[in-house]
Protein backbone atom coordinates (compact mmCIF):
# COMPACT_ATOMS: atom_id res chain seq x y z
CA UNK A 1 -11.11 12.12 19.69
CA UNK A 2 -12.64 15.57 19.80
CA UNK A 3 -12.54 18.26 17.14
CA UNK A 4 -9.33 19.85 18.46
CA UNK A 5 -6.64 20.04 15.76
CA UNK A 6 -4.93 16.71 15.29
CA UNK A 7 -1.17 17.17 15.43
CA UNK A 8 0.61 15.10 12.79
CA UNK A 9 4.28 14.28 12.34
CA UNK A 10 5.85 12.78 9.21
CA UNK A 11 8.70 10.27 9.23
CA UNK A 12 10.18 9.96 5.76
CA UNK A 13 9.80 13.49 4.40
CA UNK A 14 10.31 12.75 0.72
CA UNK A 15 8.57 12.63 -2.62
CA UNK A 16 5.54 10.53 -1.61
CA UNK A 17 4.92 12.54 1.54
CA UNK A 18 5.15 15.84 -0.33
CA UNK A 19 3.08 14.79 -3.34
CA UNK A 20 0.41 12.70 -1.62
CA UNK A 21 0.13 12.91 2.17
CA UNK A 22 0.74 16.62 2.67
CA UNK A 23 -1.88 17.83 0.13
CA UNK A 24 -4.43 15.30 1.41
CA UNK A 25 -3.91 16.32 5.04
CA UNK A 26 -3.95 20.05 4.31
CA UNK A 27 -7.32 19.59 2.60
CA UNK A 28 -8.82 18.42 5.90
CA UNK A 29 -10.13 20.65 8.67
CA UNK A 30 -8.52 20.75 12.12
CA UNK A 31 -5.34 18.97 11.06
CA UNK A 32 -1.96 20.50 11.88
CA UNK A 33 1.25 19.29 10.24
CA UNK A 34 3.66 19.84 13.11
CA UNK A 35 6.96 18.23 12.18
CA UNK A 36 8.82 16.21 9.57
CA UNK A 37 11.83 13.93 9.71
CA UNK A 38 14.34 12.89 7.05
CA UNK A 39 17.92 11.72 7.38
CA UNK A 40 19.44 13.99 4.69
CA UNK A 41 19.55 17.63 5.95
CA UNK A 42 19.65 19.22 2.48
CA UNK A 43 16.66 17.27 1.18
CA UNK A 44 14.83 17.86 4.45
CA UNK A 45 15.33 21.61 4.05
CA UNK A 46 13.96 21.42 0.49
CA UNK A 47 10.94 19.48 1.75
CA UNK A 48 10.29 22.08 4.46
CA UNK A 49 10.39 24.95 1.97
CA UNK A 50 8.01 23.24 -0.44
CA UNK A 51 5.51 22.03 2.19
CA UNK A 52 5.71 24.82 4.78
CA UNK A 53 6.38 22.46 7.71
CA UNK A 54 8.56 24.43 10.10
CA UNK A 55 9.86 21.88 12.62
CA UNK A 56 12.30 19.45 11.00
CA UNK A 57 14.46 16.64 12.36
CA UNK A 58 17.03 14.22 10.99
CA UNK A 59 16.38 11.75 13.83
CA UNK A 60 12.92 10.26 14.27
CA UNK A 61 13.43 9.53 17.97
CA UNK A 62 14.23 13.17 18.60
CA UNK A 63 11.12 14.29 16.72
CA UNK A 64 8.88 11.88 18.62
CA UNK A 65 10.33 12.90 21.98
CA UNK A 66 10.35 16.67 21.47
CA UNK A 67 7.07 17.33 19.63
CA UNK A 68 3.53 17.13 20.96
CA UNK A 69 1.84 14.82 18.45
CA UNK A 70 -1.36 12.81 18.13
CA UNK A 71 -0.37 10.68 15.16
CA UNK A 72 2.43 9.93 12.74
CA UNK A 73 2.57 9.27 9.00
CA UNK A 74 5.39 6.89 8.05
CA UNK A 75 6.75 7.22 4.49
CA UNK A 76 10.30 5.91 4.95
CA UNK A 77 11.92 3.11 2.89
CA UNK A 78 10.08 -0.17 3.26
CA UNK A 79 12.59 -1.94 5.48
CA UNK A 80 12.49 0.94 7.99
CA UNK A 81 8.71 0.87 8.48
CA UNK A 82 8.89 -1.57 11.37
CA UNK A 83 11.37 0.56 13.34
CA UNK A 84 9.56 3.83 12.70
CA UNK A 85 6.02 2.54 13.27
CA UNK A 86 7.04 0.76 16.47
CA UNK A 87 8.77 3.88 17.83
CA UNK A 88 5.59 5.90 17.31
CA UNK A 89 3.28 3.25 18.77
CA UNK A 90 5.43 2.88 21.89
CA UNK A 91 4.96 6.61 22.50
CA UNK A 92 1.19 6.23 22.35
CA UNK A 93 0.77 7.68 18.85
CA UNK A 94 -1.61 6.49 16.14
CA UNK A 95 0.05 5.59 12.84
CA UNK A 96 -0.74 5.54 9.14
CA UNK A 97 2.14 3.87 7.33
CA UNK A 98 2.74 3.51 3.64
CA UNK A 99 2.75 -0.05 2.42
CA UNK A 100 4.13 -2.48 3.37
CA UNK A 101 3.28 -2.66 7.06
CA UNK A 102 6.63 -4.44 7.46
CA UNK A 103 8.91 -6.70 5.43
CA UNK A 104 8.58 -9.74 7.69
CA UNK A 105 5.32 -11.14 9.03
CA UNK A 106 6.85 -11.53 12.52
CA UNK A 107 7.51 -7.78 12.57
CA UNK A 108 4.03 -7.02 11.25
CA UNK A 109 2.49 -9.18 13.98
CA UNK A 110 4.54 -7.34 16.60
CA UNK A 111 3.18 -4.01 15.38
CA UNK A 112 -0.41 -5.31 15.36
CA UNK A 113 0.03 -6.61 18.91
CA UNK A 114 1.43 -3.31 20.21
CA UNK A 115 -1.35 -1.29 18.58
CA UNK A 116 -3.99 -3.65 19.98
CA UNK A 117 -2.54 -3.64 23.48
CA UNK A 118 -2.39 0.16 23.55
CA UNK A 119 -5.72 0.72 21.77
CA UNK A 120 -4.06 2.68 18.97
CA UNK A 121 -5.13 3.06 15.36
CA UNK A 122 -2.67 1.49 12.92
CA UNK A 123 -3.53 1.64 9.22
CA UNK A 124 -1.70 0.95 5.97
CA UNK A 125 -1.73 3.11 2.83
CA UNK A 126 -2.58 1.00 -0.22
CA UNK A 127 -3.75 2.25 -3.58
CA UNK A 128 -6.37 -0.37 -4.35
CA UNK A 129 -7.78 -1.07 -0.89
CA UNK A 130 -9.18 2.48 -0.55
CA UNK A 131 -10.40 2.80 -4.14
CA UNK A 132 -14.20 2.73 -4.40
CA UNK A 133 -14.14 0.17 -7.21
CA UNK A 134 -11.98 -2.31 -5.31
CA UNK A 135 -13.95 -1.76 -2.10
CA UNK A 136 -17.14 -2.60 -4.00
CA UNK A 137 -15.52 -5.69 -5.47
CA UNK A 138 -14.37 -6.80 -2.01
CA UNK A 139 -17.90 -6.40 -0.66
CA UNK A 140 -19.31 -8.41 -3.58
CA UNK A 141 -16.90 -11.26 -2.95
CA UNK A 142 -17.31 -11.29 0.80
CA UNK A 143 -21.12 -11.20 0.63
CA UNK A 144 -21.31 -14.06 -1.86
CA UNK A 145 -22.90 -11.87 -4.54
CA UNK A 146 -20.70 -13.53 -7.19
CA UNK A 147 -21.63 -17.00 -5.98
CA UNK A 148 -18.87 -19.43 -5.03
CA UNK A 149 -15.65 -17.57 -5.87
CA UNK A 150 -13.45 -19.43 -8.35
CA UNK A 151 -10.69 -16.97 -9.22
CA UNK A 152 -9.42 -13.46 -8.51
CA UNK A 153 -6.50 -11.70 -10.17
CA UNK A 154 -4.80 -8.31 -10.16
CA UNK A 155 -1.90 -7.07 -12.28
CA UNK A 156 0.31 -3.98 -12.36
CA UNK A 157 2.56 -2.84 -15.21
CA UNK A 158 4.76 0.29 -15.23
CA UNK A 159 7.98 1.89 -16.47
CA UNK A 160 9.48 2.42 -13.00
CA UNK A 161 12.78 0.80 -13.99
CA UNK A 162 13.05 2.95 -17.12
CA UNK A 163 12.86 6.04 -14.89
CA UNK A 164 15.79 4.77 -12.82
CA UNK A 165 13.92 3.69 -9.70
CA UNK A 166 15.67 0.32 -9.57
CA UNK A 167 19.19 1.41 -10.53
CA UNK A 168 19.31 -0.05 -14.05
CA UNK A 169 19.14 3.25 -15.92
CA UNK A 170 19.81 6.93 -15.38
CA UNK A 171 17.38 8.53 -12.97
CA UNK A 172 14.79 10.28 -15.15
CA UNK A 173 12.26 11.72 -12.70
CA UNK A 174 11.35 15.21 -13.92
CA UNK A 175 10.95 18.10 -11.50
CA UNK A 176 7.43 19.08 -12.60
CA UNK A 177 6.13 15.57 -11.94
CA UNK A 178 8.31 15.14 -8.84
CA UNK A 179 8.84 18.57 -7.17
CA UNK A 180 10.48 16.73 -4.28
CA UNK A 181 12.60 14.07 -6.00
CA UNK A 182 12.34 10.43 -4.92
CA UNK A 183 15.34 8.67 -3.45
CA UNK A 184 16.63 5.48 -5.05
CA UNK A 185 16.09 3.18 -2.09
CA UNK A 186 14.18 0.81 -4.37
CA UNK A 187 17.49 -0.05 -6.06
CA UNK A 188 18.67 -1.51 -2.74
CA UNK A 189 16.98 -4.87 -2.13
CA UNK A 190 17.62 -4.65 1.61
CA UNK A 191 15.98 -1.23 1.99
CA UNK A 192 13.18 -2.02 -0.45
CA UNK A 193 12.49 -5.44 1.01
CA UNK A 194 12.61 -6.90 -2.48
CA UNK A 195 11.76 -5.36 -5.83
CA UNK A 196 8.68 -4.43 -7.79
CA UNK A 197 6.44 -7.06 -6.19
CA UNK A 198 7.12 -5.59 -2.74
CA UNK A 199 6.77 -2.04 -3.99
CA UNK A 200 3.76 -2.02 -6.33
CA UNK A 201 2.62 -5.63 -6.22
CA UNK A 202 1.55 -4.99 -2.63
CA UNK A 203 -1.28 -2.83 -3.99
CA UNK A 204 -2.50 -5.85 -5.97
CA UNK A 205 -2.38 -8.02 -2.86
CA UNK A 206 -4.49 -5.44 -1.04
CA UNK A 207 -7.17 -5.81 -3.73
CA UNK A 208 -7.24 -9.55 -3.05
CA UNK A 209 -6.95 -9.54 0.74
CA UNK A 210 -8.33 -6.31 2.28
CA UNK A 211 -12.05 -6.56 2.98
CA UNK A 212 -12.56 -9.76 0.98
CA UNK A 213 -12.27 -12.28 3.80
CA UNK A 214 -9.98 -14.44 1.64
CA UNK A 215 -7.23 -16.39 3.41
CA UNK A 216 -4.12 -17.48 1.48
CA UNK A 217 -3.04 -21.07 2.12
CA UNK A 218 -0.61 -21.76 -0.73
CA UNK A 219 1.77 -19.65 -2.84
CA UNK A 220 3.89 -20.34 -5.91
CA UNK A 221 6.00 -17.56 -7.43
CA UNK A 222 8.29 -17.10 -10.42
CA UNK A 223 10.48 -13.99 -10.65
CA UNK A 224 13.25 -12.65 -12.86
CA UNK A 225 15.21 -12.09 -9.63
CA UNK A 226 14.14 -13.18 -6.17
CA UNK A 227 16.22 -10.38 -4.61
CA UNK A 228 15.37 -7.30 -6.70
CA UNK A 229 12.59 -8.39 -9.02
CA UNK A 230 11.17 -6.38 -11.88
CA UNK A 231 8.91 -9.20 -13.07
CA UNK A 232 6.97 -11.39 -10.66
CA UNK A 233 4.20 -13.90 -11.33
CA UNK A 234 2.47 -15.21 -8.20
CA UNK A 235 -0.16 -17.95 -8.03
CA UNK A 236 -2.31 -18.31 -4.91
CA UNK A 237 -4.71 -20.78 -3.40
CA UNK A 238 -7.25 -19.65 -0.80
CA UNK A 239 -8.81 -21.54 2.08
CA UNK A 240 -12.23 -21.57 0.34
CA UNK A 241 -10.73 -23.34 -2.69
CA UNK A 242 -10.58 -20.25 -4.93
CA UNK A 243 -7.46 -19.57 -6.97
CA UNK A 244 -5.68 -16.23 -7.26
CA UNK A 245 -3.04 -14.51 -9.32
CA UNK A 246 -0.85 -11.40 -8.93
CA UNK A 247 1.35 -10.22 -11.80
CA UNK A 248 3.73 -7.28 -11.28
CA UNK A 249 6.01 -6.00 -14.07
CA UNK A 250 8.00 -2.80 -13.60
CA UNK A 251 10.27 -2.69 -16.66
CA UNK A 252 7.98 -1.54 -19.47
CA UNK A 253 9.68 0.77 -21.96
CA UNK A 254 6.97 3.08 -23.37
CA UNK A 255 8.08 6.13 -25.42
CA UNK A 256 7.10 8.59 -22.67
CA UNK A 257 9.64 9.50 -19.99
CA UNK A 258 6.83 10.29 -17.59
CA UNK A 259 5.58 7.67 -15.15
CA UNK A 260 3.30 5.19 -16.91
CA UNK A 261 1.22 2.56 -15.15
CA UNK A 262 -1.63 0.25 -16.16
CA UNK A 263 -3.31 -2.73 -14.56
CA UNK A 264 -6.08 -5.28 -14.70
CA UNK A 265 -8.43 -6.80 -12.12
CA UNK A 266 -11.03 -9.55 -12.30
CA UNK A 267 -13.06 -11.72 -9.93
CA UNK A 268 -14.98 -14.73 -11.19
CA UNK A 269 -17.64 -16.69 -9.33
CA UNK A 270 -20.23 -19.32 -10.17
CA UNK A 271 -22.98 -16.70 -10.54
CA UNK A 272 -21.25 -13.56 -11.83
CA UNK A 273 -17.96 -11.85 -12.57
CA UNK A 274 -16.35 -8.44 -12.15
CA UNK A 275 -13.51 -6.88 -14.12
CA UNK A 276 -11.64 -3.64 -14.63
CA UNK A 277 -9.40 -3.49 -17.69
CA UNK A 278 -6.43 -1.48 -18.90
CA UNK A 279 -7.42 1.94 -20.16
CA UNK A 280 -10.96 1.70 -18.79
CA UNK A 281 -11.52 3.11 -15.31
CA UNK A 282 -14.97 1.54 -15.05
CA UNK A 283 -15.90 -1.66 -13.22
CA UNK A 284 -17.91 -4.15 -15.27
CA UNK A 285 -20.25 -6.77 -13.81
CA UNK A 286 -21.85 -9.68 -15.61
CA UNK A 287 -24.35 -12.17 -14.31
CA UNK A 288 -23.68 -15.29 -16.38
CA UNK A 289 -26.22 -15.64 -19.15
CA UNK A 290 -26.92 -11.90 -19.19
CA UNK A 291 -25.22 -8.90 -20.80
CA UNK A 292 -22.28 -7.24 -19.06
CA UNK A 293 -23.06 -3.87 -17.47
CA UNK A 294 -20.97 -1.08 -16.01
CA UNK A 295 -21.41 -0.76 -12.25
CA UNK A 296 -23.00 2.63 -11.68
CA UNK A 297 -21.11 5.09 -9.49
CA UNK A 298 -24.12 5.31 -7.18
CA UNK A 299 -23.54 1.67 -6.17
CA UNK A 300 -19.94 2.30 -5.14
CA UNK A 301 -18.84 3.19 -1.59
CA UNK A 302 -18.15 6.90 -0.94
CA UNK A 303 -14.82 8.18 -2.22
CA UNK A 304 -12.06 8.61 0.32
CA UNK A 305 -8.28 8.43 0.53
CA UNK A 306 -6.02 6.86 3.18
CA UNK A 307 -5.23 10.14 4.95
CA UNK A 308 -8.88 11.21 5.05
CA UNK A 309 -9.99 7.81 6.33
CA UNK A 310 -7.23 7.75 8.95
CA UNK A 311 -8.18 11.16 10.35
CA UNK A 312 -11.89 10.26 10.31
CA UNK A 313 -11.09 7.04 12.19
CA UNK A 314 -9.14 8.98 14.83
CA UNK A 315 -12.24 11.12 15.36
CA UNK A 316 -14.50 8.07 15.60
CA UNK A 317 -16.33 8.95 12.38
CA UNK A 318 -15.31 5.96 10.22
CA UNK A 319 -13.75 2.54 10.68
CA UNK A 320 -10.27 2.04 9.26
CA UNK A 321 -10.49 0.71 5.71
CA UNK A 322 -7.09 -1.02 5.76
CA UNK A 323 -6.28 -1.77 9.41
CA UNK A 324 -2.99 -3.47 10.18
CA UNK A 325 -4.88 -6.53 11.37
CA UNK A 326 -5.88 -7.16 7.73
CA UNK A 327 -2.76 -5.72 6.07
CA UNK A 328 -0.63 -8.34 7.81
CA UNK A 329 -2.06 -10.88 5.34
CA UNK A 330 -0.42 -8.93 2.50
CA UNK A 331 2.93 -8.98 4.32
CA UNK A 332 2.68 -12.73 4.84
CA UNK A 333 1.70 -13.49 1.23
CA UNK A 334 4.51 -11.38 -0.23
CA UNK A 335 7.06 -12.81 2.18
CA UNK A 336 6.06 -16.33 1.17
CA UNK A 337 6.12 -15.38 -2.54
CA UNK A 338 9.78 -14.38 -2.28
CA UNK A 339 10.52 -17.59 -0.39
CA UNK A 340 8.81 -19.58 -3.14
CA UNK A 341 10.80 -17.80 -5.86
CA UNK A 342 14.07 -18.45 -4.04
CA UNK A 343 13.38 -22.13 -3.38
CA UNK A 344 11.57 -22.90 -6.62
CA UNK A 345 8.71 -24.70 -4.90
CA UNK A 346 5.09 -24.28 -3.88
CA UNK A 347 4.90 -23.05 -0.26
CA UNK A 348 2.03 -23.82 2.09
CA UNK A 349 1.63 -21.13 4.71
CA UNK A 350 1.38 -23.58 7.58
CA UNK A 351 4.95 -24.61 6.69
CA UNK A 352 6.31 -21.13 7.36
């Protein structure tokens, strides 16, 4: 694409779009936020006032058919991603969707096929996959710099339930932290596509599966609820023999009423290991038999964010960091994890 302004529409004009996508896109040159869509007229009007986007719609089909657009950002509830992404792709528009790509792997594959057939960019917004530290770790694993990989794990802990996101307490989101308030779709298992594993655990899966070359072959999961989980413990086996682990807990009760989140990551090979611990934003690397060292920032890939990378990819300046063709592996692993939790057995992916 040339340097003409890229015309962007937003489907799902809520808290995440207002707090994350809009500021990131406005920071880029030659990007025009043309239109936004949300089903609730009053909340849509509030979004328009706070973001300055003039053209608003309560129907995504109407927005896609009446506005001249180059690309769409999808920020709707998880279970609606498939419908909204597909509608945009079928109109020849590039798409950056928030995670997950879809709830079901069959839907995710359909979206990948449409984007491929029409030569359209389709990317997924993850937290970890775009982070310089996790991108470096993925490169280390894929290149064999850690030796034969034995184990990789990623965990996420937060107080999302305490703030009312999952319907078990009074909604506590404060207006200074959330100028456009989130909806409570996460309290609906059908709209959320599950619970905390689907919502935040997907970021952990992106750390294990985007850019690493790892292929999941076996999944075993234990959850407090296989419909609307707040605690999920997932064990993985990969095709190269390595083991993996994702732990997602969303019902911490810290004293603060503000959002609180911590996590842990590690990758262990025969030759060396990497880890990033709670409360320490640095990545550590240790060659076995030597002292552990912090990975210097100069060794990390350049900083970017999903919106910046998406726009650069549309202009032919960068490859997509989290293309749908890789993100589909996260959909499949999470789908199988819920199946494992419901059935109480280890699931091999070839069985699905």
